[in-house]
PDB file of N, CA and C in Angstrom:
ATOM      1  N   MET A   1    -111.660 -59.810  18.146  1.00  0.00           N
ATOM      2  CA  MET A   1    -111.263 -58.997  19.245  1.00  0.00           C
ATOM      3  C   MET A   1    -111.535 -57.540  18.596  1.00  0.00           C
ATOM      4  N   SER A   2    -112.467 -56.720  19.437  1.00  0.00           N
ATOM      5  CA  SER A   2    -112.830 -55.552  18.838  1.00  0.00           C
ATOM      6  C   SER A   2    -112.055 -54.382  19.879  1.00  0.00           C
ATOM      7  N   GLN A   3    -111.836 -53.273  19.210  1.00  0.00           N
ATOM      8  CA  GLN A   3    -111.165 -52.136  19.852  1.00  0.00           C
ATOM      9  C   GLN A   3    -112.302 -51.304  20.340  1.00  0.00           C
ATOM     10  N   GLN A   4    -111.910 -50.812  21.456  1.00  0.00           N
ATOM     11  CA  GLN A   4    -112.884 -49.746  22.123  1.00  0.00           C
ATOM     12  C   GLN A   4    -112.581 -48.469  21.411  1.00  0.00           C
ATOM     13  N   PRO A   5    -113.657 -47.475  21.421  1.00  0.00           N
ATOM     14  CA  PRO A   5    -113.631 -46.124  20.877  1.00  0.00           C
ATOM     15  C   PRO A   5    -112.583 -45.404  22.087  1.00  0.00           C
ATOM     16  N   ALA A   6    -111.788 -44.250  21.349  1.00  0.00           N
ATOM     17  CA  ALA A   6    -111.019 -43.742  22.381  1.00  0.00           C
ATOM     18  C   ALA A   6    -111.640 -42.982  23.764  1.00  0.00           C
ATOM     19  N   SER A   7    -113.101 -42.708  23.497  1.00  0.00           N
ATOM     20  CA  SER A   7    -113.821 -42.226  24.672  1.00  0.00           C
ATOM     21  C   SER A   7    -114.152 -43.222  25.721  1.00  0.00           C
ATOM     22  N   ALA A   8    -113.990 -44.797  25.248  1.00  0.00           N
ATOM     23  CA  ALA A   8    -114.460 -45.540  26.083  1.00  0.00           C
ATOM     24  C   ALA A   8    -113.158 -46.413  26.959  1.00  0.00           C
ATOM     25  N   THR A   9    -111.902 -45.754  26.781  1.00  0.00           N
ATOM     26  CA  THR A   9    -110.814 -46.574  27.182  1.00  0.00           C
ATOM     27  C   THR A   9    -110.952 -46.164  28.888  1.00  0.00           C
ATOM     28  N   THR A  10    -110.164 -47.218  29.486  1.00  0.00           N
ATOM     29  CA  THR A  10    -110.117 -47.206  30.906  1.00  0.00           C
ATOM     30  C   THR A  10    -109.361 -45.863  31.337  1.00  0.00           C
ATOM     31  N   GLU A  11    -108.467 -45.529  30.730  1.00  0.00           N
ATOM     32  CA  GLU A  11    -107.691 -44.173  31.283  1.00  0.00           C
ATOM     33  C   GLU A  11    -108.520 -42.986  30.992  1.00  0.00           C
ATOM     34  N   ALA A  12    -108.687 -42.451  32.147  1.00  0.00           N
ATOM     35  CA  ALA A  12    -109.477 -41.018  32.145  1.00  0.00           C
ATOM     36  C   ALA A  12    -108.996 -39.923  31.405  1.00  0.00           C
ATOM     37  N   ALA A  13    -109.498 -39.245  30.793  1.00  0.00           N
ATOM     38  CA  ALA A  13    -109.090 -38.234  29.872  1.00  0.00           C
ATOM     39  C   ALA A  13    -108.684 -37.043  30.922  1.00  0.00           C
ATOM     40  N   PRO A  14    -107.772 -36.163  30.695  1.00  0.00           N
ATOM     41  CA  PRO A  14    -107.579 -35.067  31.513  1.00  0.00           C
ATOM     42  C   PRO A  14    -108.809 -34.127  31.483  1.00  0.00           C
ATOM     43  N   SER A  15    -108.567 -32.971  32.639  1.00  0.00           N
ATOM     44  CA  SER A  15    -109.630 -32.150  32.518  1.00  0.00           C
ATOM     45  C   SER A  15    -109.359 -31.028  31.392  1.00  0.00           C
ATOM     46  N   PHE A  16    -110.066 -30.255  30.836  1.00  0.00           N
ATOM     47  CA  PHE A  16    -109.825 -29.220  29.760  1.00  0.00           C
ATOM     48  C   PHE A  16    -108.594 -28.587  30.154  1.00  0.00           C
ATOM     49  N   GLU A  17    -108.328 -27.749  31.475  1.00  0.00           N
ATOM     50  CA  GLU A  17    -107.439 -27.156  31.796  1.00  0.00           C
ATOM     51  C   GLU A  17    -105.939 -27.865  31.803  1.00  0.00           C
ATOM     52  N   ASP A  18    -106.104 -29.286  32.373  1.00  0.00           N
ATOM     53  CA  ASP A  18    -104.951 -30.055  32.335  1.00  0.00           C
ATOM     54  C   ASP A  18    -104.435 -30.258  30.846  1.00  0.00           C
ATOM     55  N   ALA A  19    -105.455 -30.381  30.118  1.00  0.00           N
ATOM     56  CA  ALA A  19    -105.125 -30.703  28.483  1.00  0.00           C
ATOM     57  C   ALA A  19    -104.495 -29.582  27.960  1.00  0.00           C
ATOM     58  N   MET A  20    -104.954 -28.277  28.233  1.00  0.00           N
ATOM     59  CA  MET A  20    -104.477 -27.154  27.722  1.00  0.00           C
ATOM     60  C   MET A  20    -103.048 -26.907  28.235  1.00  0.00           C
ATOM     61  N   LYS A  21    -102.920 -27.134  29.417  1.00  0.00           N
ATOM     62  CA  LYS A  21    -101.467 -27.057  30.063  1.00  0.00           C
ATOM     63  C   LYS A  21    -100.438 -28.007  29.359  1.00  0.00           C
ATOM     64  N   ARG A  22    -100.929 -29.101  29.268  1.00  0.00           N
ATOM     65  CA  ARG A  22    -100.100 -30.308  28.619  1.00  0.00           C
ATOM     66  C   ARG A  22     -99.763 -29.829  27.196  1.00  0.00           C
ATOM     67  N   LEU A  23    -100.808 -29.273  26.416  1.00  0.00           N
ATOM     68  CA  LEU A  23    -100.621 -28.956  25.095  1.00  0.00           C
ATOM     69  C   LEU A  23     -99.522 -27.803  24.996  1.00  0.00           C
ATOM     70  N   SER A  24     -99.766 -26.917  25.965  1.00  0.00           N
ATOM     71  CA  SER A  24     -98.752 -25.736  25.876  1.00  0.00           C
ATOM     72  C   SER A  24     -97.343 -26.339  26.276  1.00  0.00           C
ATOM     73  N   GLU A  25     -97.061 -27.344  27.141  1.00  0.00           N
ATOM     74  CA  GLU A  25     -95.790 -27.910  27.109  1.00  0.00           C
ATOM     75  C   GLU A  25     -95.252 -28.538  25.941  1.00  0.00           C
ATOM     76  N   ILE A  26     -96.255 -29.307  25.295  1.00  0.00           N
ATOM     77  CA  ILE A  26     -95.835 -30.017  24.032  1.00  0.00           C
ATOM     78  C   ILE A  26     -95.507 -28.941  23.030  1.00  0.00           C
ATOM     79  N   VAL A  27     -96.108 -27.948  22.774  1.00  0.00           N
ATOM     80  CA  VAL A  27     -95.904 -27.035  21.852  1.00  0.00           C
ATOM     81  C   VAL A  27     -94.436 -26.278  22.081  1.00  0.00           C
ATOM     82  N   SER A  28     -94.257 -25.962  23.261  1.00  0.00           N
ATOM     83  CA  SER A  28     -92.949 -25.541  23.749  1.00  0.00           C
ATOM     84  C   SER A  28     -91.665 -26.498  23.425  1.00  0.00           C
ATOM     85  N   LYS A  29     -91.945 -27.704  23.681  1.00  0.00           N
ATOM     86  CA  LYS A  29     -90.943 -28.656  23.529  1.00  0.00           C
ATOM     87  C   LYS A  29     -90.670 -28.907  21.899  1.00  0.00           C
ATOM     88  N   LEU A  30     -91.758 -28.882  21.226  1.00  0.00           N
ATOM     89  CA  LEU A  30     -91.736 -29.128  19.852  1.00  0.00           C
ATOM     90  C   LEU A  30     -90.894 -27.811  18.988  1.00  0.00           C
ATOM     91  N   GLU A  31     -91.129 -26.628  19.667  1.00  0.00           N
ATOM     92  CA  GLU A  31     -90.548 -25.393  18.914  1.00  0.00           C
ATOM     93  C   GLU A  31     -89.188 -25.315  19.359  1.00  0.00           C
ATOM     94  N   ASP A  32     -88.652 -25.864  20.657  1.00  0.00           N
ATOM     95  CA  ASP A  32     -87.261 -26.016  20.871  1.00  0.00           C
ATOM     96  C   ASP A  32     -86.407 -26.648  19.795  1.00  0.00           C
ATOM     97  N   GLY A  33     -87.018 -27.551  19.123  1.00  0.00           N
ATOM     98  CA  GLY A  33     -86.369 -28.437  18.269  1.00  0.00           C
ATOM     99  C   GLY A  33     -85.257 -29.301  18.638  1.00  0.00           C
ATOM    100  N   ASP A  34     -85.432 -29.551  19.777  1.00  0.00           N
ATOM    101  CA  ASP A  34     -84.057 -30.419  20.454  1.00  0.00           C
ATOM    102  C   ASP A  34     -84.433 -31.748  20.769  1.00  0.00           C
ATOM    103  N   LEU A  35     -85.634 -32.098  20.093  1.00  0.00           N
ATOM    104  CA  LEU A  35     -85.931 -33.569  20.118  1.00  0.00           C
ATOM    105  C   LEU A  35     -85.628 -34.438  19.044  1.00  0.00           C
ATOM    106  N   SER A  36     -85.477 -35.784  19.176  1.00  0.00           N
ATOM    107  CA  SER A  36     -85.428 -36.714  18.043  1.00  0.00           C
ATOM    108  C   SER A  36     -86.572 -36.874  17.052  1.00  0.00           C
ATOM    109  N   LEU A  37     -86.581 -37.160  16.146  1.00  0.00           N
ATOM    110  CA  LEU A  37     -87.694 -37.364  15.276  1.00  0.00           C
ATOM    111  C   LEU A  37     -88.768 -38.270  16.041  1.00  0.00           C
ATOM    112  N   GLU A  38     -88.305 -39.525  16.548  1.00  0.00           N
ATOM    113  CA  GLU A  38     -89.241 -40.186  17.201  1.00  0.00           C
ATOM    114  C   GLU A  38     -90.024 -39.465  18.333  1.00  0.00           C
ATOM    115  N   ASP A  39     -89.121 -38.837  19.020  1.00  0.00           N
ATOM    116  CA  ASP A  39     -89.918 -38.130  20.313  1.00  0.00           C
ATOM    117  C   ASP A  39     -90.592 -37.112  20.007  1.00  0.00           C
ATOM    118  N   SER A  40     -90.545 -36.296  18.679  1.00  0.00           N
ATOM    119  CA  SER A  40     -91.180 -35.221  18.131  1.00  0.00           C
ATOM    120  C   SER A  40     -92.611 -35.927  17.623  1.00  0.00           C
ATOM    121  N   LEU A  41     -92.570 -36.984  17.037  1.00  0.00           N
ATOM    122  CA  LEU A  41     -93.926 -37.703  16.398  1.00  0.00           C
ATOM    123  C   LEU A  41     -94.575 -38.258  17.625  1.00  0.00           C
ATOM    124  N   ARG A  42     -94.168 -38.680  18.704  1.00  0.00           N
ATOM    125  CA  ARG A  42     -94.644 -39.094  19.985  1.00  0.00           C
ATOM    126  C   ARG A  42     -95.420 -37.893  20.626  1.00  0.00           C
ATOM    127  N   LEU A  43     -94.633 -36.991  20.772  1.00  0.00           N
ATOM    128  CA  LEU A  43     -95.432 -35.591  21.239  1.00  0.00           C
ATOM    129  C   LEU A  43     -96.428 -35.063  20.359  1.00  0.00           C
ATOM    130  N   PHE A  44     -96.162 -34.996  19.099  1.00  0.00           N
ATOM    131  CA  PHE A  44     -97.067 -34.632  17.997  1.00  0.00           C
ATOM    132  C   PHE A  44     -98.464 -35.497  18.211  1.00  0.00           C
ATOM    133  N   GLU A  45     -98.222 -36.674  18.352  1.00  0.00           N
ATOM    134  CA  GLU A  45     -99.538 -37.657  18.487  1.00  0.00           C
ATOM    135  C   GLU A  45    -100.313 -37.367  19.736  1.00  0.00           C
ATOM    136  N   GLU A  46     -99.525 -37.239  20.829  1.00  0.00           N
ATOM    137  CA  GLU A  46    -100.146 -36.808  22.121  1.00  0.00           C
ATOM    138  C   GLU A  46    -100.975 -35.528  21.904  1.00  0.00           C
ATOM    139  N   GLY A  47    -100.106 -34.554  21.323  1.00  0.00           N
ATOM    140  CA  GLY A  47    -101.061 -33.197  21.184  1.00  0.00           C
ATOM    141  C   GLY A  47    -102.226 -33.348  20.390  1.00  0.00           C
ATOM    142  N   VAL A  48    -102.243 -34.162  19.354  1.00  0.00           N
ATOM    143  CA  VAL A  48    -103.525 -34.380  18.461  1.00  0.00           C
ATOM    144  C   VAL A  48    -104.655 -34.974  19.328  1.00  0.00           C
ATOM    145  N   LYS A  49    -104.175 -35.997  20.236  1.00  0.00           N
ATOM    146  CA  LYS A  49    -105.334 -36.530  21.034  1.00  0.00           C
ATOM    147  C   LYS A  49    -105.718 -35.751  22.027  1.00  0.00           C
ATOM    148  N   LEU A  50    -105.037 -34.783  22.644  1.00  0.00           N
ATOM    149  CA  LEU A  50    -105.286 -33.929  23.540  1.00  0.00           C
ATOM    150  C   LEU A  50    -106.318 -32.815  22.872  1.00  0.00           C
ATOM    151  N   SER A  51    -106.064 -32.438  21.760  1.00  0.00           N
ATOM    152  CA  SER A  51    -106.585 -31.367  20.892  1.00  0.00           C
ATOM    153  C   SER A  51    -107.994 -31.721  20.589  1.00  0.00           C
ATOM    154  N   ARG A  52    -108.122 -32.921  20.202  1.00  0.00           N
ATOM    155  CA  ARG A  52    -109.466 -33.734  19.926  1.00  0.00           C
ATOM    156  C   ARG A  52    -110.229 -33.600  20.986  1.00  0.00           C
ATOM    157  N   VAL A  53    -109.801 -34.328  22.299  1.00  0.00           N
ATOM    158  CA  VAL A  53    -110.623 -34.307  23.334  1.00  0.00           C
ATOM    159  C   VAL A  53    -110.930 -32.897  23.845  1.00  0.00           C
ATOM    160  N   SER A  54    -110.137 -32.079  23.804  1.00  0.00           N
ATOM    161  CA  SER A  54    -110.536 -30.591  24.413  1.00  0.00           C
ATOM    162  C   SER A  54    -111.490 -30.010  23.391  1.00  0.00           C
ATOM    163  N   GLN A  55    -111.437 -30.182  21.993  1.00  0.00           N
ATOM    164  CA  GLN A  55    -112.503 -29.810  21.065  1.00  0.00           C
ATOM    165  C   GLN A  55    -113.829 -30.374  21.529  1.00  0.00           C
ATOM    166  N   GLU A  56    -113.888 -31.652  21.765  1.00  0.00           N
ATOM    167  CA  GLU A  56    -115.244 -32.261  21.958  1.00  0.00           C
ATOM    168  C   GLU A  56    -115.681 -31.646  23.159  1.00  0.00           C
ATOM    169  N   ARG A  57    -115.035 -31.440  24.196  1.00  0.00           N
ATOM    170  CA  ARG A  57    -115.382 -30.606  25.398  1.00  0.00           C
ATOM    171  C   ARG A  57    -116.079 -29.434  25.052  1.00  0.00           C
ATOM    172  N   LEU A  58    -115.224 -28.655  24.172  1.00  0.00           N
ATOM    173  CA  LEU A  58    -115.719 -27.273  23.843  1.00  0.00           C
ATOM    174  C   LEU A  58    -117.069 -27.281  23.234  1.00  0.00           C
ATOM    175  N   ASP A  59    -117.080 -28.486  22.414  1.00  0.00           N
ATOM    176  CA  ASP A  59    -118.345 -28.610  21.529  1.00  0.00           C
ATOM    177  C   ASP A  59    -119.611 -28.833  22.335  1.00  0.00           C
ATOM    178  N   ARG A  60    -119.442 -29.570  23.362  1.00  0.00           N
ATOM    179  CA  ARG A  60    -120.474 -30.197  24.283  1.00  0.00           C
ATOM    180  C   ARG A  60    -120.842 -28.908  25.263  1.00  0.00           C
ATOM    181  N   ALA A  61    -119.984 -28.126  25.673  1.00  0.00           N
ATOM    182  CA  ALA A  61    -120.178 -26.769  26.380  1.00  0.00           C
ATOM    183  C   ALA A  61    -120.917 -25.865  25.568  1.00  0.00           C
ATOM    184  N   GLN A  62    -120.384 -25.612  24.405  1.00  0.00           N
ATOM    185  CA  GLN A  62    -121.185 -24.638  23.316  1.00  0.00           C
ATOM    186  C   GLN A  62    -122.752 -25.185  23.175  1.00  0.00           C
ATOM    187  N   LYS A  63    -122.917 -26.623  23.111  1.00  0.00           N
ATOM    188  CA  LYS A  63    -124.342 -26.848  22.959  1.00  0.00           C
ATOM    189  C   LYS A  63    -125.155 -26.714  24.116  1.00  0.00           C
ATOM    190  N   LYS A  64    -124.304 -26.818  25.441  1.00  0.00           N
ATOM    191  CA  LYS A  64    -125.321 -26.624  26.573  1.00  0.00           C
ATOM    192  C   LYS A  64    -125.703 -25.021  26.595  1.00  0.00           C
ATOM    193  N   VAL A  65    -124.627 -24.254  26.331  1.00  0.00           N
ATOM    194  CA  VAL A  65    -124.792 -22.767  26.575  1.00  0.00           C
ATOM    195  C   VAL A  65    -125.781 -22.223  25.551  1.00  0.00           C
ATOM    196  N   GLU A  66    -126.095 -22.968  24.120  1.00  0.00           N
ATOM    197  CA  GLU A  66    -126.979 -22.840  23.213  1.00  0.00           C
ATOM    198  C   GLU A  66    -128.144 -23.094  23.719  1.00  0.00           C
ATOM    199  N   GLN A  67    -128.304 -24.363  24.388  1.00  0.00           N
ATOM    200  CA  GLN A  67    -129.486 -24.883  24.986  1.00  0.00           C
ATOM    201  C   GLN A  67    -130.113 -23.789  26.224  1.00  0.00           C
ATOM    202  N   LEU A  68    -129.250 -23.498  26.933  1.00  0.00           N
ATOM    203  CA  LEU A  68    -129.580 -22.729  28.041  1.00  0.00           C
ATOM    204  C   LEU A  68    -130.004 -21.256  27.570  1.00  0.00           C
ATOM    205  N   LEU A  69    -129.674 -20.704  26.558  1.00  0.00           N
ATOM    206  CA  LEU A  69    -130.084 -19.295  26.048  1.00  0.00           C
ATOM    207  C   LEU A  69    -131.101 -19.407  25.157  1.00  0.00           C
ATOM    208  N   ALA A  70    -131.599 -20.653  24.579  1.00  0.00           N
ATOM    209  CA  ALA A  70    -132.708 -20.706  23.653  1.00  0.00           C
ATOM    210  C   ALA A  70    -134.010 -20.156  24.275  1.00  0.00           C
ATOM    211  N   VAL A  71    -134.615 -19.524  23.104  1.00  0.00           N
ATOM    212  CA  VAL A  71    -136.052 -19.169  23.671  1.00  0.00           C
ATOM    213  C   VAL A  71    -136.994 -19.624  22.464  1.00  0.00           C
ATOM    214  N   ASP A  72    -138.160 -19.693  22.951  1.00  0.00           N
ATOM    215  CA  ASP A  72    -139.347 -20.146  21.893  1.00  0.00           C
ATOM    216  C   ASP A  72    -139.865 -18.678  21.208  1.00  0.00           C
ATOM    217  N   SER A  73    -140.991 -19.242  20.501  1.00  0.00           N
ATOM    218  CA  SER A  73    -141.385 -18.237  19.442  1.00  0.00           C
ATOM    219  C   SER A  73    -141.907 -16.858  20.103  1.00  0.00           C
ATOM    220  N   GLU A  74    -142.289 -17.080  21.690  1.00  0.00           N
ATOM    221  CA  GLU A  74    -142.834 -16.018  22.226  1.00  0.00           C
ATOM    222  C   GLU A  74    -141.811 -15.334  23.034  1.00  0.00           C
ATOM    223  N   GLY A  75    -140.618 -15.733  23.055  1.00  0.00           N
ATOM    224  CA  GLY A  75    -139.434 -15.166  23.805  1.00  0.00           C
ATOM    225  C   GLY A  75    -139.417 -15.571  25.112  1.00  0.00           C
ATOM    226  N   ARG A  76    -139.782 -16.742  25.452  1.00  0.00           N
ATOM    227  CA  ARG A  76    -139.664 -17.329  26.750  1.00  0.00           C
ATOM    228  C   ARG A  76    -138.586 -18.147  26.681  1.00  0.00           C
ATOM    229  N   ALA A  77    -137.846 -18.425  27.679  1.00  0.00           N
ATOM    230  CA  ALA A  77    -136.686 -19.291  27.877  1.00  0.00           C
ATOM    231  C   ALA A  77    -137.317 -20.780  27.716  1.00  0.00           C
ATOM    232  N   ARG A  78    -136.493 -21.489  26.835  1.00  0.00           N
ATOM    233  CA  ARG A  78    -136.865 -23.009  26.902  1.00  0.00           C
ATOM    234  C   ARG A  78    -135.834 -23.800  27.844  1.00  0.00           C
ATOM    235  N   THR A  79    -136.253 -24.556  28.303  1.00  0.00           N
ATOM    236  CA  THR A  79    -135.419 -25.554  29.316  1.00  0.00           C
ATOM    237  C   THR A  79    -135.464 -26.742  28.940  1.00  0.00           C
ATOM    238  N   ALA A  80    -134.380 -27.416  29.311  1.00  0.00           N
ATOM    239  CA  ALA A  80    -134.038 -28.992  29.019  1.00  0.00           C
ATOM    240  C   ALA A  80    -133.428 -29.531  30.152  1.00  0.00           C
ATOM    241  N   PRO A  81    -133.827 -30.661  30.700  1.00  0.00           N
ATOM    242  CA  PRO A  81    -132.943 -31.335  31.614  1.00  0.00           C
ATOM    243  C   PRO A  81    -131.673 -31.733  31.039  1.00  0.00           C
ATOM    244  N   PHE A  82    -130.619 -32.031  31.869  1.00  0.00           N
ATOM    245  CA  PHE A  82    -129.220 -32.420  31.571  1.00  0.00           C
ATOM    246  C   PHE A  82    -129.128 -33.743  32.163  1.00  0.00           C
ATOM    247  N   GLU A  83    -128.620 -34.693  31.665  1.00  0.00           N
ATOM    248  CA  GLU A  83    -127.946 -35.891  32.545  1.00  0.00           C
ATOM    249  C   GLU A  83    -126.479 -35.669  32.934  1.00  0.00           C
ATOM    250  N   THR A  84    -126.136 -35.909  34.081  1.00  0.00           N
ATOM    251  CA  THR A  84    -124.824 -35.830  34.320  1.00  0.00           C
ATOM    252  C   THR A  84    -124.025 -37.128  34.292  1.00  0.00           C
ATOM    253  N   THR A  85    -122.672 -37.203  34.066  1.00  0.00           N
ATOM    254  CA  THR A  85    -122.093 -38.426  34.006  1.00  0.00           C
ATOM    255  C   THR A  85    -120.926 -38.330  35.254  1.00  0.00           C
ATOM    256  N   ALA A  86    -120.625 -39.322  35.681  1.00  0.00           N
ATOM    257  CA  ALA A  86    -119.639 -39.389  36.709  1.00  0.00           C
ATOM    258  C   ALA A  86    -118.370 -39.197  36.300  1.00  0.00           C
ATOM    259  N   ASN A  87    -117.862 -39.589  35.194  1.00  0.00           N
ATOM    260  CA  ASN A  87    -116.744 -39.680  34.627  1.00  0.00           C
ATOM    261  C   ASN A  87    -115.922 -38.189  34.521  1.00  0.00           C
ATOM    262  N   ASP A  88    -116.850 -37.235  33.984  1.00  0.00           N
ATOM    263  CA  ASP A  88    -116.149 -35.871  33.769  1.00  0.00           C
ATOM    264  C   ASP A  88    -116.992 -34.785  34.435  1.00  0.00           C
ATOM    265  N   GLY A  89    -118.064 -35.068  34.899  1.00  0.00           N
ATOM    266  CA  GLY A  89    -118.977 -34.057  35.636  1.00  0.00           C
ATOM    267  C   GLY A  89    -119.543 -33.141  34.380  1.00  0.00           C
ATOM    268  N   GLU A  90    -119.561 -33.611  33.292  1.00  0.00           N
ATOM    269  CA  GLU A  90    -120.238 -32.901  32.162  1.00  0.00           C
ATOM    270  C   GLU A  90    -121.556 -33.728  31.985  1.00  0.00           C
ATOM    271  N   GLY A  91    -122.566 -33.021  31.635  1.00  0.00           N
ATOM    272  CA  GLY A  91    -123.880 -33.728  31.297  1.00  0.00           C
ATOM    273  C   GLY A  91    -124.063 -33.530  29.857  1.00  0.00           C
ATOM    274  N   THR A  92    -125.093 -34.272  29.460  1.00  0.00           N
ATOM    275  CA  THR A  92    -125.609 -34.248  28.140  1.00  0.00           C
ATOM    276  C   THR A  92    -126.974 -33.974  28.051  1.00  0.00           C
ATOM    277  N   PRO A  93    -127.855 -33.489  27.187  1.00  0.00           N
ATOM    278  CA  PRO A  93    -128.992 -33.206  27.102  1.00  0.00           C
ATOM    279  C   PRO A  93    -129.765 -34.453  26.865  1.00  0.00           C
ATOM    280  N   ARG A  94    -130.844 -34.733  27.821  1.00  0.00           N
ATOM    281  CA  ARG A  94    -131.593 -35.872  27.495  1.00  0.00           C
ATOM    282  C   ARG A  94    -132.739 -35.771  26.310  1.00  0.00           C
TER     283      ARG A  94
END
């Protein structure tokens, strides 16, 4: 029995904005210090997962911007088609 990678799970990842909102809520709850150790660890784990997903999305967005702003040796814009995926609306270069 093999495990699926986190990105291939059936549960859809939240949008970047939703992930940032939830991370903010988690930080606020952890800073309050009113949680049990178990609840704190659970929230911390959730926050780490959200942080990783968000960082991956930021990395993909940065690569897209770099590709869109790229120029060749003669100063002309270089272009490359993007494939889009249905799950998050974000594409990856072909």
